[in-house]
C-alpha atoms as a PDB file:
ATOM      1  CA  MET A   1       0.012   0.015   0.012  1.00  0.00           C
ATOM      2  CA  LEU A   2       1.313   3.444  -0.895  1.00  0.00           C
ATOM      3  CA  GLN A   3       1.919   5.684   2.156  1.00  0.00           C
ATOM      4  CA  LYS A   4       3.401   9.153   2.667  1.00  0.00           C
ATOM      5  CA  THR A   5       5.957   9.544   5.441  1.00  0.00           C
ATOM      6  CA  ARG A   6       9.006  11.624   6.329  1.00  0.00           C
ATOM      7  CA  GLY A   7      12.279   9.877   7.140  1.00  0.00           C
ATOM      8  CA  ILE A   8      15.858  10.315   8.354  1.00  0.00           C
ATOM      9  CA  VAL A   9      18.539   8.292   6.643  1.00  0.00           C
ATOM     10  CA  PHE A  10      20.606   6.298   9.163  1.00  0.00           C
ATOM     11  CA  ARG A  11      22.918   4.440   6.758  1.00  0.00           C
ATOM     12  CA  PHE A  12      23.015   2.574   3.485  1.00  0.00           C
ATOM     13  CA  VAL A  13      24.889  -0.378   2.060  1.00  0.00           C
ATOM     14  CA  LYS A  14      25.741  -1.124  -1.564  1.00  0.00           C
ATOM     15  CA  PHE A  15      23.658  -3.839  -3.287  1.00  0.00           C
ATOM     16  CA  GLY A  16      24.600  -5.211  -6.673  1.00  0.00           C
ATOM     17  CA  GLU A  17      26.315  -2.934  -9.131  1.00  0.00           C
ATOM     18  CA  THR A  18      24.076   0.170  -8.937  1.00  0.00           C
ATOM     19  CA  SER A  19      21.562  -0.270  -6.082  1.00  0.00           C
ATOM     20  CA  ILE A  20      21.592   0.297  -2.350  1.00  0.00           C
ATOM     21  CA  ILE A  21      19.658  -0.811   0.726  1.00  0.00           C
ATOM     22  CA  ALA A  22      18.995   2.146   3.020  1.00  0.00           C
ATOM     23  CA  ASN A  23      17.991   2.088   6.671  1.00  0.00           C
ATOM     24  CA  ILE A  24      15.686   4.997   7.250  1.00  0.00           C
ATOM     25  CA  PHE A  25      13.900   6.020  10.388  1.00  0.00           C
ATOM     26  CA  THR A  26      10.417   6.997   9.326  1.00  0.00           C
ATOM     27  CA  GLU A  27       7.900   9.214  11.054  1.00  0.00           C
ATOM     28  CA  GLN A  28       5.041   6.728  10.521  1.00  0.00           C
ATOM     29  CA  PHE A  29       6.646   3.261  10.717  1.00  0.00           C
ATOM     30  CA  GLY A  30       9.921   3.638  12.694  1.00  0.00           C
ATOM     31  CA  LEU A  31      13.084   2.034  11.383  1.00  0.00           C
ATOM     32  CA  GLN A  32      12.661   0.492   7.895  1.00  0.00           C
ATOM     33  CA  SER A  33      14.865  -0.913   5.175  1.00  0.00           C
ATOM     34  CA  TYR A  34      14.358   0.183   1.574  1.00  0.00           C
ATOM     35  CA  MET A  35      15.947  -1.017  -1.638  1.00  0.00           C
ATOM     36  CA  ILE A  36      16.684   1.783  -4.103  1.00  0.00           C
ATOM     37  CA  LYS A  37      17.609   0.479  -7.561  1.00  0.00           C
ATOM     38  CA  GLY A  38      19.941   2.167  -9.972  1.00  0.00           C
ATOM     39  CA  VAL A  39      20.820   4.990  -7.637  1.00  0.00           C
ATOM     40  CA  ARG A  40      24.573   4.471  -7.914  1.00  0.00           C
ATOM     41  CA  SER A  41      24.661   4.906 -11.671  1.00  0.00           C
ATOM     42  CA  ASN A  42      26.717   7.662 -13.319  1.00  0.00           C
ATOM     43  CA  SER A  43      23.637   9.279 -14.642  1.00  0.00           C
ATOM     44  CA  ARG A  44      23.050  12.986 -13.898  1.00  0.00           C
ATOM     45  CA  LYS A  45      19.636  11.952 -12.534  1.00  0.00           C
ATOM     46  CA  SER A  46      21.241   9.707  -9.877  1.00  0.00           C
ATOM     47  CA  LYS A  47      19.801  10.466  -6.421  1.00  0.00           C
ATOM     48  CA  ILE A  48      22.509   8.905  -4.298  1.00  0.00           C
ATOM     49  CA  ALA A  49      23.013  12.295  -2.482  1.00  0.00           C
ATOM     50  CA  LEU A  50      19.523  11.882  -1.053  1.00  0.00           C
ATOM     51  CA  PHE A  51      20.597   8.818   0.884  1.00  0.00           C
ATOM     52  CA  GLN A  52      23.661  10.215   2.711  1.00  0.00           C
ATOM     53  CA  PRO A  53      23.386   9.750   6.481  1.00  0.00           C
ATOM     54  CA  LEU A  54      21.062  12.139   8.289  1.00  0.00           C
ATOM     55  CA  THR A  55      19.391  13.484   5.140  1.00  0.00           C
ATOM     56  CA  LEU A  56      15.836  14.527   5.921  1.00  0.00           C
ATOM     57  CA  LEU A  57      13.457  13.010   3.380  1.00  0.00           C
ATOM     58  CA  GLU A  58       9.810  13.267   2.306  1.00  0.00           C
ATOM     59  CA  MET A  59       8.783   9.985   0.728  1.00  0.00           C
ATOM     60  CA  VAL A  60       5.989   7.997  -0.803  1.00  0.00           C
ATOM     61  CA  VAL A  61       6.666   4.334   0.012  1.00  0.00           C
ATOM     62  CA  TYR A  62       5.240   0.919  -0.651  1.00  0.00           C
ATOM     63  CA  HIS A  63       4.564  -0.208   2.916  1.00  0.00           C
ATOM     64  CA  LYS A  64       3.630  -3.696   4.078  1.00  0.00           C
ATOM     65  CA  GLU A  65       3.580  -4.665   7.707  1.00  0.00           C
ATOM     66  CA  ASN A  66       6.384  -7.069   8.727  1.00  0.00           C
ATOM     67  CA  ALA A  67       7.941  -6.920   5.271  1.00  0.00           C
ATOM     68  CA  GLY A  68      11.819  -7.175   5.378  1.00  0.00           C
ATOM     69  CA  ILE A  69      12.851  -4.764   2.557  1.00  0.00           C
ATOM     70  CA  MET A  70      10.453  -2.341   0.925  1.00  0.00           C
ATOM     71  CA  HIS A  71      10.624   0.200  -1.911  1.00  0.00           C
ATOM     72  CA  ILE A  72      10.341   3.918  -2.354  1.00  0.00           C
ATOM     73  CA  LYS A  73       8.104   5.379  -5.123  1.00  0.00           C
ATOM     74  CA  GLU A  74       8.932   9.053  -4.668  1.00  0.00           C
ATOM     75  CA  VAL A  75      11.569  10.872  -2.615  1.00  0.00           C
ATOM     76  CA  LYS A  76      12.846  14.421  -1.999  1.00  0.00           C
ATOM     77  CA  CYS A  77      14.775  16.260   0.698  1.00  0.00           C
ATOM     78  CA  PHE A  78      12.448  18.404   2.771  1.00  0.00           C
ATOM     79  CA  HIS A  79      15.189  20.383   4.580  1.00  0.00           C
ATOM     80  CA  PRO A  80      18.571  20.752   2.837  1.00  0.00           C
ATOM     81  CA  TYR A  81      21.339  21.536   5.325  1.00  0.00           C
ATOM     82  CA  GLN A  82      22.971  24.909   4.794  1.00  0.00           C
ATOM     83  CA  TYR A  83      26.002  24.768   7.063  1.00  0.00           C
ATOM     84  CA  ILE A  84      26.608  21.288   8.498  1.00  0.00           C
ATOM     85  CA  ASN A  85      28.674  19.982   5.545  1.00  0.00           C
ATOM     86  CA  GLY A  86      30.799  23.119   5.336  1.00  0.00           C
ATOM     87  CA  ASP A  87      31.612  23.406   9.086  1.00  0.00           C
ATOM     88  CA  VAL A  88      34.034  20.797  10.293  1.00  0.00           C
ATOM     89  CA  ARG A  89      32.731  20.976  13.898  1.00  0.00           C
ATOM     90  CA  LYS A  90      29.155  20.457  12.840  1.00  0.00           C
ATOM     91  CA  ALA A  91      30.027  17.732  10.313  1.00  0.00           C
ATOM     92  CA  THR A  92      31.973  15.837  13.033  1.00  0.00           C
ATOM     93  CA  ILE A  93      29.175  16.187  15.575  1.00  0.00           C
ATOM     94  CA  ALA A  94      26.715  14.961  12.900  1.00  0.00           C
ATOM     95  CA  MET A  95      28.967  11.894  12.261  1.00  0.00           C
ATOM     96  CA  PHE A  96      29.016  11.172  15.955  1.00  0.00           C
ATOM     97  CA  ILE A  97      25.218  11.563  16.261  1.00  0.00           C
ATOM     98  CA  ASN A  98      24.677   9.283  13.263  1.00  0.00           C
ATOM     99  CA  GLU A  99      26.714   6.534  15.013  1.00  0.00           C
ATOM    100  CA  VAL A 100      24.729   7.050  18.212  1.00  0.00           C
ATOM    101  CA  LEU A 101      21.445   6.670  16.256  1.00  0.00           C
ATOM    102  CA  ASN A 102      22.572   3.530  14.472  1.00  0.00           C
ATOM    103  CA  LYS A 103      23.586   1.921  17.803  1.00  0.00           C
ATOM    104  CA  SER A 104      20.570   2.950  19.904  1.00  0.00           C
ATOM    105  CA  VAL A 105      17.439   3.636  17.902  1.00  0.00           C
ATOM    106  CA  LYS A 106      15.702   0.321  17.176  1.00  0.00           C
ATOM    107  CA  GLU A 107      12.182   0.788  18.567  1.00  0.00           C
ATOM    108  CA  GLN A 108       9.099   1.165  16.373  1.00  0.00           C
ATOM    109  CA  SER A 109       6.935   2.592  19.101  1.00  0.00           C
ATOM    110  CA  HIS A 110       6.644   6.353  19.531  1.00  0.00           C
ATOM    111  CA  ALA A 111       8.183   6.682  16.055  1.00  0.00           C
ATOM    112  CA  GLN A 112       6.655  10.165  15.462  1.00  0.00           C
ATOM    113  CA  ASP A 113       8.007  11.620  18.697  1.00  0.00           C
ATOM    114  CA  ILE A 114      11.459  10.148  18.108  1.00  0.00           C
ATOM    115  CA  PHE A 115      11.456  11.374  14.519  1.00  0.00           C
ATOM    116  CA  ASN A 116      10.436  14.892  15.512  1.00  0.00           C
ATOM    117  CA  PHE A 117      13.117  15.079  18.151  1.00  0.00           C
ATOM    118  CA  ILE A 118      15.927  13.950  15.848  1.00  0.00           C
ATOM    119  CA  ALA A 119      14.789  16.068  12.878  1.00  0.00           C
ATOM    120  CA  ASP A 120      14.255  19.179  14.920  1.00  0.00           C
ATOM    121  CA  SER A 121      17.624  18.707  16.606  1.00  0.00           C
ATOM    122  CA  LEU A 122      19.437  18.357  13.265  1.00  0.00           C
ATOM    123  CA  ILE A 123      17.830  21.526  11.958  1.00  0.00           C
ATOM    124  CA  TYR A 124      18.953  23.299  15.153  1.00  0.00           C
ATOM    125  CA  LEU A 125      22.508  21.996  14.685  1.00  0.00           C
ATOM    126  CA  ASP A 126      22.551  23.342  11.153  1.00  0.00           C
ATOM    127  CA  THR A 127      22.062  26.900  12.393  1.00  0.00           C
ATOM    128  CA  LEU A 128      23.742  26.979  15.789  1.00  0.00           C
ATOM    129  CA  GLN A 129      26.609  29.398  16.063  1.00  0.00           C
ATOM    130  CA  HIS A 130      28.284  27.544  18.911  1.00  0.00           C
ATOM    131  CA  PRO A 131      27.634  23.824  18.573  1.00  0.00           C
ATOM    132  CA  GLU A 132      30.330  22.570  21.001  1.00  0.00           C
ATOM    133  CA  ASN A 133      27.812  21.355  23.603  1.00  0.00           C
ATOM    134  CA  PHE A 134      25.143  20.220  21.160  1.00  0.00           C
ATOM    135  CA  HIS A 135      26.029  16.473  21.272  1.00  0.00           C
ATOM    136  CA  LEU A 136      25.813  16.418  25.078  1.00  0.00           C
ATOM    137  CA  ILE A 137      22.239  17.831  25.114  1.00  0.00           C
ATOM    138  CA  PHE A 138      21.342  15.581  22.205  1.00  0.00           C
ATOM    139  CA  LEU A 139      22.369  12.460  24.073  1.00  0.00           C
ATOM    140  CA  ILE A 140      20.222  13.387  27.035  1.00  0.00           C
ATOM    141  CA  GLY A 141      17.212  14.247  24.823  1.00  0.00           C
ATOM    142  CA  LEU A 142      17.467  11.078  22.825  1.00  0.00           C
ATOM    143  CA  SER A 143      17.647   8.918  25.989  1.00  0.00           C
ATOM    144  CA  LYS A 144      14.384  10.461  27.168  1.00  0.00           C
ATOM    145  CA  HIS A 145      12.679   9.496  23.912  1.00  0.00           C
ATOM    146  CA  LEU A 146      14.103   5.995  24.087  1.00  0.00           C
ATOM    147  CA  GLY A 147      12.690   5.411  27.535  1.00  0.00           C
ATOM    148  CA  PHE A 148      15.701   5.643  29.851  1.00  0.00           C
ATOM    149  CA  GLY A 149      16.199   9.430  30.120  1.00  0.00           C
ATOM    150  CA  PRO A 150      17.408  10.927  33.415  1.00  0.00           C
ATOM    151  CA  LYS A 151      15.605  13.438  35.530  1.00  0.00           C
ATOM    152  CA  LEU A 152      18.544  14.127  37.723  1.00  0.00           C
ATOM    153  CA  SER A 153      22.270  14.309  37.051  1.00  0.00           C
ATOM    154  CA  SER A 154      22.807  11.561  39.706  1.00  0.00           C
ATOM    155  CA  GLU A 155      20.981   9.117  37.435  1.00  0.00           C
ATOM    156  CA  VAL A 156      23.569   9.750  34.704  1.00  0.00           C
ATOM    157  CA  LEU A 157      26.483   9.658  37.077  1.00  0.00           C
ATOM    158  CA  GLY A 158      25.538   6.357  38.759  1.00  0.00           C
ATOM    159  CA  GLY A 159      28.066   6.945  41.541  1.00  0.00           C
ATOM    160  CA  ARG A 160      30.807   8.178  39.195  1.00  0.00           C
ATOM    161  CA  MET A 161      32.556  11.379  40.135  1.00  0.00           C
ATOM    162  CA  ILE A 162      32.884  14.608  38.123  1.00  0.00           C
ATOM    163  CA  SER A 163      33.680  18.139  39.340  1.00  0.00           C
ATOM    164  CA  ASP A 164      31.041  20.394  40.834  1.00  0.00           C
ATOM    165  CA  ASP A 165      31.190  22.711  37.750  1.00  0.00           C
ATOM    166  CA  GLU A 166      30.687  19.700  35.455  1.00  0.00           C
ATOM    167  CA  GLU A 167      27.722  18.457  37.455  1.00  0.00           C
ATOM    168  CA  ILE A 168      26.154  21.952  37.374  1.00  0.00           C
ATOM    169  CA  ALA A 169      26.526  21.968  33.612  1.00  0.00           C
ATOM    170  CA  LEU A 170      25.038  18.463  33.346  1.00  0.00           C
ATOM    171  CA  ASN A 171      22.014  19.547  35.355  1.00  0.00           C
ATOM    172  CA  LYS A 172      21.543  22.528  33.025  1.00  0.00           C
ATOM    173  CA  PHE A 173      21.755  20.247  29.969  1.00  0.00           C
ATOM    174  CA  LEU A 174      18.787  18.260  31.368  1.00  0.00           C
ATOM    175  CA  THR A 175      16.601  21.233  30.328  1.00  0.00           C
ATOM    176  CA  LEU A 176      17.374  20.210  26.661  1.00  0.00           C
ATOM    177  CA  ASP A 177      17.903  23.786  25.573  1.00  0.00           C
ATOM    178  CA  TYR A 178      20.379  23.754  22.689  1.00  0.00           C
ATOM    179  CA  HIS A 179      20.840  27.558  22.922  1.00  0.00           C
ATOM    180  CA  ILE A 180      21.889  27.478  26.579  1.00  0.00           C
ATOM    181  CA  ASP A 181      25.323  29.142  26.912  1.00  0.00           C
ATOM    182  CA  ILE A 182      27.537  27.106  29.257  1.00  0.00           C
ATOM    183  CA  PRO A 183      31.250  27.811  28.750  1.00  0.00           C
ATOM    184  CA  LEU A 184      33.157  24.601  29.269  1.00  0.00           C
ATOM    185  CA  THR A 185      36.805  23.702  28.904  1.00  0.00           C
ATOM    186  CA  TYR A 186      37.717  20.816  26.656  1.00  0.00           C
ATOM    187  CA  PRO A 187      38.529  18.527  29.670  1.00  0.00           C
ATOM    188  CA  GLN A 188      35.133  19.383  31.260  1.00  0.00           C
ATOM    189  CA  ARG A 189      33.265  18.629  28.070  1.00  0.00           C
ATOM    190  CA  LYS A 190      35.179  15.357  27.600  1.00  0.00           C
ATOM    191  CA  ASN A 191      34.313  14.279  31.179  1.00  0.00           C
ATOM    192  CA  ILE A 192      30.608  14.970  30.735  1.00  0.00           C
ATOM    193  CA  LEU A 193      30.595  13.059  27.456  1.00  0.00           C
ATOM    194  CA  ALA A 194      32.363  10.151  29.078  1.00  0.00           C
ATOM    195  CA  VAL A 195      29.673   9.712  31.766  1.00  0.00           C
ATOM    196  CA  LEU A 196      26.893  10.107  29.195  1.00  0.00           C
ATOM    197  CA  LEU A 197      28.375   7.392  26.997  1.00  0.00           C
ATOM    198  CA  ARG A 198      28.706   5.089  29.985  1.00  0.00           C
ATOM    199  CA  PHE A 199      25.085   5.870  30.773  1.00  0.00           C
ATOM    200  CA  TYR A 200      24.134   4.759  27.232  1.00  0.00           C
ATOM    201  CA  GLN A 201      26.278   1.597  27.549  1.00  0.00           C
ATOM    202  CA  THR A 202      24.382   0.722  30.692  1.00  0.00           C
ATOM    203  CA  TYR A 203      20.850   1.258  29.418  1.00  0.00           C
ATOM    204  CA  SER A 204      21.047   0.712  25.616  1.00  0.00           C
ATOM    205  CA  ASP A 205      21.598  -2.920  24.685  1.00  0.00           C
ATOM    206  CA  GLY A 206      24.652  -3.551  22.513  1.00  0.00           C
ATOM    207  CA  PHE A 207      25.700   0.114  22.446  1.00  0.00           C
ATOM    208  CA  GLY A 208      29.384  -0.651  22.815  1.00  0.00           C
ATOM    209  CA  GLU A 209      32.294   1.662  21.936  1.00  0.00           C
ATOM    210  CA  MET A 210      31.999   4.672  19.694  1.00  0.00           C
ATOM    211  CA  LYS A 211      34.266   4.566  16.639  1.00  0.00           C
ATOM    212  CA  SER A 212      33.740   8.289  15.944  1.00  0.00           C
ATOM    213  CA  LEU A 213      34.708   9.381  19.436  1.00  0.00           C
ATOM    214  CA  ALA A 214      38.409   9.937  18.701  1.00  0.00           C
ATOM    215  CA  VAL A 215      37.600  12.202  15.733  1.00  0.00           C
ATOM    216  CA  LEU A 216      35.085  14.149  17.767  1.00  0.00           C
ATOM    217  CA  LYS A 217      37.607  14.732  20.590  1.00  0.00           C
ATOM    218  CA  GLU A 218      40.264  15.854  18.152  1.00  0.00           C
ATOM    219  CA  ILE A 219      38.038  18.350  16.327  1.00  0.00           C
ATOM    220  CA  LEU A 220      36.460  19.834  19.483  1.00  0.00           C
ATOM    221  CA  ASN A 221      39.790  20.039  21.364  1.00  0.00           C
END
C-alpha cells in the first residue's frame, strides 16, 4: 500500500552494481529498510546524494507490515542543510550523532516523537553558532525519547565522580535547551561526554564503543 511519510537516513549499504539498501527511520513506521535500484549509476539523474546519512526525506513508500525490505516510489529532501557539511565541527558532531542513532534507535513505538526530536535537533544543529555542547544535550534528549532518560544528574553519574562545575553543567543540559550558553573547557566537556556514553552503555543494549569518538575529541579540542 502506498503511504506518505518523512524519514531520516541512518545508513546505506551497496547492493549489486548500482543499487543500495538504506536504513531510514520513518515518522510513521519507525526504522525501515528500503531498496533503491539504480541509484549508484553515473547518470546525472542519480539520487545517491539523497541517501547520505542524516538526510531529511519526504517519501511515498510501498509499505507492508512485517515486510523485510520495501521500496520507495517518490523521494525528495524536505530540509537541505545549509551549514553542516561546510563546518568541520558540525560535520563531526553529525557523524557522531549518526553513529549514536545507528547503535541505539531500534524501537518502532513512539516513532513520530522520536522522529520529530531527531529532525528538529538536526535543523537546530545546522544553524547553531556555537555547537560545541550540542551532542551532550542531544544524548540526554534522545535517551528520554528511548525510555531511559534521566531526571537528575545523579541518574547519569551512577556513583561516578565529576567536578562540581561539570555536574552543574550536566544539570543545566537536562533542560534540553540547545541555545543554553555554558562555557566549558575541553577537559570538562570530555568528562561529561564520558559519563553520558557510559550511561548509554548501561541502558542501551549492545551500544558498545564509539568509533567516531576519537575524531570528535580531536576536532572539538
